[in-house]
Protein backbone atom coordinates (compact mmCIF):
# COMPACT_ATOMS: atom_id res chain seq x y z
CA MET A 1 140.46 98.35 204.93
CA THR A 2 144.10 98.21 206.06
CA GLY A 3 145.49 101.39 207.54
CA ALA A 4 142.13 103.19 207.78
CA PRO A 5 141.65 105.16 211.01
CA THR A 6 139.16 103.74 213.47
CA ILE A 7 135.98 105.63 214.28
CA GLU A 8 137.28 106.01 217.84
CA ALA A 9 140.52 107.57 216.61
CA ALA A 10 138.66 109.94 214.32
CA VAL A 11 136.36 111.07 217.12
CA ALA A 12 139.28 111.51 219.53
CA ARG A 13 141.14 113.64 217.00
CA THR A 14 138.64 116.49 216.95
CA ARG A 15 141.46 119.03 217.24
CA ALA A 16 145.21 119.15 216.80
CA ILE A 17 147.51 119.04 219.83
CA PRO A 18 144.90 116.88 221.59
CA ARG A 19 146.93 116.45 224.79
CA ALA A 20 147.48 120.18 225.33
CA LYS A 21 145.36 122.19 227.75
CA ILE A 22 144.26 125.66 226.62
CA GLY A 23 144.39 128.49 229.12
CA ILE A 24 144.71 132.25 229.22
CA VAL A 25 146.82 134.58 231.34
CA HIS A 26 144.73 136.91 233.52
CA ILE A 27 146.88 139.95 232.63
CA LEU A 28 144.41 140.88 229.88
CA TRP A 29 141.93 141.80 232.63
CA ALA A 30 144.44 143.04 235.23
CA ASN A 31 147.78 144.24 233.87
CA ASP A 32 150.54 143.99 236.46
CA ASP A 33 153.03 146.21 234.61
CA LEU A 34 150.58 149.04 233.81
CA PRO A 35 147.59 148.66 236.13
CA GLU A 36 146.25 152.06 235.09
CA LEU A 37 145.34 150.56 231.69
CA THR A 38 142.85 148.11 233.15
CA PRO A 39 139.94 149.13 235.37
CA PRO A 40 139.67 147.40 238.76
CA ILE A 41 137.95 144.03 238.49
CA ASP A 42 137.11 141.39 241.06
CA GLY A 43 139.14 138.20 240.78
CA LEU A 44 136.05 136.00 240.73
CA GLN A 45 134.69 137.98 237.80
CA ILE A 46 137.92 137.28 235.92
CA LEU A 47 137.46 133.57 236.60
CA ASP A 48 133.84 133.81 235.44
CA GLU A 49 134.90 135.31 232.11
CA ILE A 50 137.73 132.82 231.59
CA SER A 51 135.39 129.91 232.23
CA ARG A 52 132.60 131.32 230.07
CA LEU A 53 134.97 131.55 227.11
CA GLY A 54 135.94 127.89 227.41
CA TYR A 55 139.48 128.20 228.71
CA GLU A 56 140.71 125.47 231.04
CA GLY A 57 143.07 127.40 233.28
CA THR A 58 144.88 130.62 234.03
CA GLN A 59 147.82 132.19 235.83
CA LEU A 60 147.41 132.86 239.54
CA ALA A 61 146.38 136.49 240.07
CA GLY A 62 146.81 138.58 243.18
CA SER A 63 143.08 139.28 243.22
CA PHE A 64 142.10 135.60 243.38
CA PRO A 65 141.09 134.13 246.75
CA ARG A 66 143.37 131.61 248.43
CA GLY A 67 142.98 128.32 250.22
CA ALA A 68 139.66 126.51 250.20
CA ALA A 69 137.93 129.56 248.71
CA LEU A 70 140.14 129.35 245.61
CA ASP A 71 139.70 125.57 245.37
CA ASP A 72 135.92 126.01 245.44
CA ALA A 73 135.97 128.88 242.94
CA LEU A 74 138.07 126.89 240.47
CA ALA A 75 136.05 123.70 240.86
CA ALA A 76 132.77 125.55 240.33
CA ARG A 77 134.12 126.85 237.01
CA SER A 78 136.04 123.71 235.91
CA LEU A 79 139.33 125.65 235.95
CA ARG A 80 142.89 125.02 237.10
CA ILE A 81 145.82 127.20 238.01
CA ALA A 82 148.10 126.53 235.08
CA GLU A 83 151.01 128.62 236.30
CA VAL A 84 152.48 130.90 238.92
CA TYR A 85 154.83 133.60 237.63
CA ALA A 86 158.10 134.11 239.51
CA CYS A 87 160.29 137.17 238.89
CA ILE A 88 163.96 136.37 239.54
CA GLU A 89 165.57 139.73 240.23
CA CYS A 90 168.91 140.18 238.43
CA ASP A 91 171.36 142.94 237.71
CA GLY A 92 174.22 142.84 235.22
CA ASP A 93 176.10 140.35 237.41
CA GLY A 94 173.22 137.89 237.72
CA PRO A 95 170.75 137.13 240.51
CA VAL A 96 170.71 139.59 243.38
CA PRO A 97 170.76 138.47 247.04
CA GLY A 98 167.41 136.98 248.02
CA ALA A 99 166.41 136.07 244.44
CA LEU A 100 166.33 132.34 245.17
CA GLU A 101 164.16 132.88 248.24
CA VAL A 102 161.66 134.82 246.13
CA GLY A 103 161.56 131.94 243.66
CA ARG A 104 161.04 129.45 246.47
CA ALA A 105 158.18 131.51 247.86
CA LYS A 106 156.49 131.44 244.46
CA LEU A 107 157.05 127.68 244.24
CA ALA A 108 155.39 127.27 247.63
CA GLU A 109 152.49 129.38 246.37
CA LEU A 110 152.20 127.19 243.26
CA HIS A 111 152.12 124.06 245.39
CA ALA A 112 149.54 125.51 247.76
CA VAL A 113 147.10 126.25 244.92
CA HIS A 114 147.68 122.84 243.26
CA GLY A 115 149.08 124.53 240.17
CA ASP A 116 151.18 123.00 237.43
CA THR A 117 154.05 125.15 236.19
CA LEU A 118 156.41 127.60 237.84
CA VAL A 119 157.13 130.17 235.14
CA ALA A 120 160.40 131.91 235.96
CA ALA A 121 161.42 135.15 234.28
CA LEU A 122 163.48 138.24 234.95
CA PRO A 123 161.59 141.40 235.86
CA VAL A 124 161.63 144.31 233.44
CA GLY A 125 164.12 146.86 234.67
CA PRO A 126 165.43 150.34 233.90
CA ALA A 127 168.61 149.06 232.25
CA ARG A 128 166.74 147.21 229.52
CA ILE A 129 163.24 148.73 229.30
CA PRO A 130 164.41 151.51 226.90
CA TRP A 131 165.91 148.90 224.58
CA GLY A 132 162.80 146.72 224.38
CA GLY A 133 162.26 145.50 220.82
CA ARG A 134 165.74 146.58 219.67
CA ALA A 135 168.03 144.80 222.10
CA ASP A 136 170.15 143.03 219.49
CA GLY A 137 172.21 146.09 218.59
CA PRO A 138 175.39 147.66 220.01
CA GLY A 139 175.43 149.62 223.25
CA VAL A 140 172.72 147.54 224.94
CA PRO A 141 173.40 146.82 228.64
CA ARG A 142 173.92 143.08 229.05
CA MET A 143 174.35 140.53 231.78
CA THR A 144 177.87 139.16 232.10
CA GLU A 145 178.65 135.56 231.21
CA ALA A 146 179.31 134.89 234.88
CA GLY A 147 175.91 136.39 235.65
CA PHE A 148 174.28 133.99 233.19
CA ARG A 149 176.04 131.08 234.90
CA ARG A 150 174.77 132.19 238.29
CA LEU A 151 171.25 132.55 236.89
CA ALA A 152 171.44 129.07 235.31
CA GLY A 153 172.58 127.62 238.64
CA LEU A 154 169.72 129.30 240.51
CA LEU A 155 167.19 128.00 237.98
CA GLU A 156 168.57 124.46 238.26
CA THR A 157 168.24 124.62 242.05
CA LEU A 158 164.69 125.90 241.79
CA GLY A 159 163.87 123.40 239.04
CA ARG A 160 164.99 120.44 241.17
CA GLU A 161 162.93 121.67 244.09
CA ALA A 162 159.93 122.12 241.80
CA ALA A 163 160.32 118.58 240.44
CA ASP A 164 160.50 117.20 243.98
CA LEU A 165 157.06 118.73 244.59
CA GLY A 166 155.64 117.43 241.31
CA HIS A 167 155.86 120.68 239.35
CA VAL A 168 157.63 121.89 236.22
CA LEU A 169 159.94 124.91 236.03
CA ALA A 170 159.91 126.73 232.69
CA PHE A 171 161.93 129.86 231.91
CA HIS A 172 160.08 132.67 230.12
CA ASN A 173 161.96 134.93 227.69
CA HIS A 174 160.86 138.54 228.17
CA VAL A 175 161.36 141.90 226.46
CA GLY A 176 162.88 144.60 228.64
CA THR A 177 165.02 142.10 230.61
CA TYR A 178 168.50 140.63 230.35
CA VAL A 179 167.10 137.53 228.59
CA GLU A 180 165.26 138.97 225.58
CA THR A 181 167.11 138.17 222.36
CA PRO A 182 167.50 134.70 220.82
CA ALA A 183 171.23 134.85 221.60
CA GLU A 184 170.53 135.54 225.27
CA VAL A 185 167.97 132.73 225.45
CA ASP A 186 170.45 130.36 223.80
CA LEU A 187 173.20 131.35 226.21
CA LEU A 188 171.08 130.70 229.28
CA PHE A 189 169.83 127.37 227.96
CA SER A 190 173.34 126.28 226.97
CA MET A 191 174.38 126.67 230.61
CA SER A 192 171.45 124.81 232.19
CA ASP A 193 170.23 121.23 232.19
CA PRO A 194 167.25 120.86 229.80
CA ALA A 195 165.81 118.10 231.97
CA ILE A 196 165.55 120.54 234.88
CA VAL A 197 165.14 124.00 233.33
CA GLY A 198 162.40 123.89 230.72
CA SER A 199 161.32 126.64 228.35
CA CYS A 200 158.14 128.67 228.54
CA LEU A 201 158.44 129.97 225.01
CA ASP A 202 156.58 133.26 224.75
CA VAL A 203 156.37 133.72 221.00
CA GLY A 204 155.32 137.37 221.21
CA HIS A 205 158.34 138.32 223.26
CA TYR A 206 160.51 136.12 221.02
CA VAL A 207 159.38 138.04 217.92
CA LEU A 208 160.03 141.38 219.62
CA GLY A 209 163.44 140.07 220.67
CA GLY A 210 164.29 139.49 217.01
CA GLY A 211 163.59 135.76 216.74
CA ASP A 212 161.62 133.33 214.60
CA PRO A 213 159.30 131.43 216.96
CA VAL A 214 158.71 128.53 214.55
CA ALA A 215 162.48 128.02 214.38
CA ALA A 216 162.63 128.24 218.18
CA LEU A 217 160.11 125.41 218.48
CA ALA A 218 162.31 123.25 216.28
CA ARG A 219 165.45 124.30 218.14
CA TYR A 220 164.24 123.71 221.68
CA GLY A 221 161.92 120.78 221.04
CA ASP A 222 161.23 118.76 224.17
CA ARG A 223 162.63 121.54 226.32
CA ILE A 224 159.41 123.48 225.73
CA ARG A 225 157.22 122.54 228.71
CA HIS A 226 154.91 125.57 228.66
CA PHE A 227 153.83 127.88 225.85
CA HIS A 228 152.56 131.48 225.69
CA LEU A 229 150.71 132.31 222.46
CA LYS A 230 150.96 136.07 222.05
CA ASP A 231 150.59 137.89 218.73
CA VAL A 232 152.40 141.12 217.79
CA ASP A 233 151.04 144.21 216.05
CA PRO A 234 153.35 144.84 213.05
CA THR A 235 153.05 148.63 213.09
CA VAL A 236 153.93 148.99 216.76
CA ARG A 237 156.67 146.40 216.46
CA ALA A 238 158.29 148.39 213.63
CA ALA A 239 158.05 151.61 215.66
CA MET A 240 159.71 149.92 218.63
CA ALA A 241 162.53 148.68 216.41
CA THR A 242 163.32 152.24 215.28
CA GLY A 243 162.86 153.79 218.72
CA GLU A 244 159.82 155.81 217.60
CA VAL A 245 157.94 153.91 220.30
CA ASP A 246 160.48 154.20 223.07
CA GLY A 247 160.86 150.99 225.01
CA PHE A 248 158.80 148.09 226.30
CA LEU A 249 156.32 149.97 228.49
CA ALA A 250 155.63 152.44 225.70
CA GLY A 251 155.03 149.43 223.48
CA LEU A 252 152.46 148.10 225.92
CA ARG A 253 150.72 151.46 225.99
CA SER A 254 150.62 151.36 222.18
CA ARG A 255 149.13 147.83 222.38
CA VAL A 256 152.05 146.05 220.74
CA PHE A 257 150.39 142.73 221.59
CA CYS A 258 147.15 141.92 219.81
CA GLU A 259 144.59 139.15 219.43
CA ALA A 260 145.86 135.85 218.01
CA GLY A 261 145.76 135.90 214.23
CA ARG A 262 145.71 139.70 213.89
CA GLY A 263 149.46 140.29 213.94
CA LEU A 264 152.84 139.03 212.75
CA LEU A 265 152.59 135.48 214.06
CA ASP A 266 152.02 132.56 211.75
CA VAL A 267 149.65 131.00 214.28
CA ARG A 268 148.88 128.06 212.02
CA ALA A 269 152.57 127.17 211.61
CA LEU A 270 153.14 127.41 215.37
CA LEU A 271 150.20 125.18 216.22
CA ARG A 272 151.17 122.73 213.47
CA SER A 273 154.67 122.52 214.96
CA LEU A 274 153.31 121.91 218.46
CA ASP A 275 151.06 119.21 217.04
CA GLY A 276 154.03 117.55 215.36
CA MET A 277 155.83 117.56 218.72
CA ASP A 278 152.80 115.94 220.38
CA TYR A 279 152.96 118.81 222.85
CA ALA A 280 151.16 117.96 226.09
CA GLY A 281 151.64 121.06 228.24
CA TRP A 282 149.62 124.24 228.62
CA LEU A 283 148.95 126.44 225.61
CA MET A 284 148.37 129.81 227.23
CA VAL A 285 146.82 132.65 225.24
CA GLU A 286 148.25 135.95 226.45
CA GLN A 287 147.67 139.60 225.56
CA ASP A 288 149.00 142.20 227.96
CA THR A 289 146.89 145.16 226.85
CA SER A 290 144.06 145.68 224.38
CA TRP A 291 142.07 148.45 222.75
CA ARG A 292 139.00 146.22 223.16
CA PRO A 293 137.19 145.00 226.28
CA PRO A 294 139.25 142.12 227.71
CA SER A 295 136.61 139.44 227.21
CA GLU A 296 136.14 140.46 223.58
CA SER A 297 139.85 140.08 222.88
CA ALA A 298 139.96 136.78 224.77
CA ALA A 299 137.02 135.46 222.77
CA MET A 300 138.59 136.50 219.46
CA SER A 301 141.85 134.71 220.26
CA ARG A 302 140.05 131.59 221.45
CA ALA A 303 137.97 131.45 218.27
CA VAL A 304 141.08 131.67 216.08
CA VAL A 305 142.92 128.99 218.06
CA ASP A 306 139.91 126.65 218.03
CA LEU A 307 139.38 127.09 214.29
CA ILE A 308 143.00 126.36 213.42
CA LEU A 309 143.17 123.35 215.76
CA ARG A 310 140.06 121.88 214.13
CA GLU A 311 141.38 122.51 210.64
CA LEU A 312 144.76 120.97 211.44
CA ALA A 313 142.98 117.88 212.74
CA GLY A 314 141.49 117.42 209.26
């Protein structure tokens, strides 16, 4: 029968986005911004939980071993280091002295652990933390245009060095920083080479920044080299927008991020869009804080993602 799919093709297409790898960021077990919200946990136990839930990789955590001990721990659990997170310190005039060296140190760390993606972002800071979730209005402290150009130049330098080592650099939009709103993301990307500076689209932060993440997928297309799937609680998001929940850290304490499928995100539309792009990077589930035990939240998100990917595959 002409045009009928082969049995092999049907078997191979057991889920949508078949070339993507599904991981989870360790922050759910060990929050770096608010460590008091997560009890101390051994790094190997985090890896045990991530592996047990069927994830393929994670972000490098400070509590993980290094060297051969990390290689052995990952191999025993069939895991990879999907990403290393690099904070590029900036003020209103752009990168501060030493910012590039910090990025290079994180790149060296990524290479040493045989990881894939260097995820670059700006650290949350006092100038923008109070405006988190409502940074598109007047009176918000902003980085100058010259500062954006300096940041774009630094990222291009770091991106070339990452490519030389066989890695990808992807910039992560983040609430509470100078690159939060869609306009700020657009400005940075307009000043940088898309072949060198990719996007790590964090859809949770993009929603809090006032954007439509499905539209962002269409807008940035092949520039998206890494993806953070993070859902947003609608009640907390609304309270952040009015200032009732005052700033990004207060939002985290109120658990503004929730399990995939429980919040504002149209998870199905996002995964359908990634499938249409034939996305082949990491799809990283992320939830900074939770009212539930970390492994319970991680399992809930994984179940939702798996169900939708199977349904989209038909």
